[in-house]
Each structure stands twice: as structure tokens, then as C-alpha cells.
């Protein structure tokens, strides 16, 4: 499960980093790409939580 925790940390950090990168882009197309990457990382974090809940490693409230 350590691997999953490390993956979750990287994905959650990528959200903030991609948003920051997107805000620094000059064109709307470049901003959109960065924000889409941030959204993908957020969905990845949600999927990791779903998997962990499925194997009862975390409890949903």
C-alpha cells in the first residue's frame, strides 16, 4: 500500500502544480491543457480513494 500512498501524493501535488502552470501560460490553449491535466490528476486521486475503499483500506464517511 505504500506504492498507492506515493502515487496519491504525486497525483495530488500534480493538481496544484498544473493549476499554477496553467495560470502562467500566455495562450488559452496552453492554459486549457494544463487545467485539463489538473482535472485528470484530481480524477486520478478520486479513483485511488475508490479503490482503497473497495479493498477496505479507507473508510468512506
C-alpha atoms as a PDB file:
ATOM      1  CA  UNK A   1       0.000   0.000   0.000  1.00  0.00           C
ATOM      2  CA  UNK A   2       2.996   2.322   0.260  1.00  0.00           C
ATOM      3  CA  UNK A   3       3.102   2.451  -3.522  1.00  0.00           C
ATOM      4  CA  UNK A   4      -0.507   3.623  -3.598  1.00  0.00           C
ATOM      5  CA  UNK A   5       0.237   6.301  -0.999  1.00  0.00           C
ATOM      6  CA  UNK A   6       3.171   7.590  -3.012  1.00  0.00           C
ATOM      7  CA  UNK A   7       1.050   7.612  -6.150  1.00  0.00           C
ATOM      8  CA  UNK A   8      -1.708   9.525  -4.336  1.00  0.00           C
ATOM      9  CA  UNK A   9       0.815  12.115  -3.123  1.00  0.00           C
ATOM     10  CA  UNK A  10       2.244  12.634  -6.605  1.00  0.00           C
ATOM     11  CA  UNK A  11      -1.195  12.950  -8.168  1.00  0.00           C
ATOM     12  CA  UNK A  12      -2.408  15.401  -5.523  1.00  0.00           C
ATOM     13  CA  UNK A  13       0.715  17.535  -5.912  1.00  0.00           C
ATOM     14  CA  UNK A  14       0.250  17.494  -9.677  1.00  0.00           C
ATOM     15  CA  UNK A  15      -3.163  19.153  -9.254  1.00  0.00           C
ATOM     16  CA  UNK A  16      -1.701  22.272  -7.646  1.00  0.00           C
ATOM     17  CA  UNK A  17       1.357  22.316  -9.903  1.00  0.00           C
ATOM     18  CA  UNK A  18      -0.703  22.062 -13.095  1.00  0.00           C
ATOM     19  CA  UNK A  19      -3.056  24.827 -11.948  1.00  0.00           C
ATOM     20  CA  UNK A  20      -0.086  27.070 -11.192  1.00  0.00           C
ATOM     21  CA  UNK A  21       1.468  26.239 -14.546  1.00  0.00           C
ATOM     22  CA  UNK A  22      -1.808  26.928 -16.336  1.00  0.00           C
ATOM     23  CA  UNK A  23      -2.088  30.337 -14.732  1.00  0.00           C
ATOM     24  CA  UNK A  24       1.342  31.237 -16.119  1.00  0.00           C
ATOM     25  CA  UNK A  25       0.543  30.345 -19.736  1.00  0.00           C
ATOM     26  CA  UNK A  26       0.069  33.069 -22.327  1.00  0.00           C
ATOM     27  CA  UNK A  27      -2.446  31.364 -24.600  1.00  0.00           C
ATOM     28  CA  UNK A  28      -5.826  29.945 -23.724  1.00  0.00           C
ATOM     29  CA  UNK A  29      -4.939  26.654 -25.455  1.00  0.00           C
ATOM     30  CA  UNK A  30      -1.871  26.219 -23.239  1.00  0.00           C
ATOM     31  CA  UNK A  31      -3.871  27.156 -20.128  1.00  0.00           C
ATOM     32  CA  UNK A  32      -6.581  24.685 -21.069  1.00  0.00           C
ATOM     33  CA  UNK A  33      -4.043  21.851 -21.464  1.00  0.00           C
ATOM     34  CA  UNK A  34      -2.609  22.498 -18.008  1.00  0.00           C
ATOM     35  CA  UNK A  35      -6.056  22.733 -16.420  1.00  0.00           C
ATOM     36  CA  UNK A  36      -7.108  19.508 -18.159  1.00  0.00           C
ATOM     37  CA  UNK A  37      -4.036  17.817 -16.676  1.00  0.00           C
ATOM     38  CA  UNK A  38      -5.011  19.136 -13.233  1.00  0.00           C
ATOM     39  CA  UNK A  39      -8.519  17.765 -13.699  1.00  0.00           C
ATOM     40  CA  UNK A  40      -7.102  14.398 -14.756  1.00  0.00           C
ATOM     41  CA  UNK A  41      -4.948  14.293 -11.628  1.00  0.00           C
ATOM     42  CA  UNK A  42      -7.970  15.134  -9.470  1.00  0.00           C
ATOM     43  CA  UNK A  43      -9.951  12.307 -11.051  1.00  0.00           C
ATOM     44  CA  UNK A  44      -6.978  10.012 -10.510  1.00  0.00           C
ATOM     45  CA  UNK A  45      -6.966  10.893  -6.790  1.00  0.00           C
ATOM     46  CA  UNK A  46     -10.682  10.158  -6.601  1.00  0.00           C
ATOM     47  CA  UNK A  47     -10.170   6.804  -8.324  1.00  0.00           C
ATOM     48  CA  UNK A  48      -7.394   5.886  -5.891  1.00  0.00           C
ATOM     49  CA  UNK A  49      -9.745   6.637  -2.989  1.00  0.00           C
ATOM     50  CA  UNK A  50     -12.441   4.473  -4.597  1.00  0.00           C
ATOM     51  CA  UNK A  51     -10.005   1.580  -4.990  1.00  0.00           C
ATOM     52  CA  UNK A  52      -8.796   1.909  -1.402  1.00  0.00           C
ATOM     53  CA  UNK A  53     -12.384   1.991  -0.148  1.00  0.00           C
ATOM     54  CA  UNK A  54     -13.134  -1.095  -2.233  1.00  0.00           C
ATOM     55  CA  UNK A  55     -10.400  -3.073  -0.510  1.00  0.00           C
ATOM     56  CA  UNK A  56     -11.351  -1.529   2.837  1.00  0.00           C
ATOM     57  CA  UNK A  57      -8.114   0.392   3.345  1.00  0.00           C
ATOM     58  CA  UNK A  58     -10.029   3.625   3.899  1.00  0.00           C
ATOM     59  CA  UNK A  59     -13.497   4.273   5.279  1.00  0.00           C
ATOM     60  CA  UNK A  60     -15.991   6.490   3.474  1.00  0.00           C
ATOM     61  CA  UNK A  61     -17.960   8.908   5.623  1.00  0.00           C
END
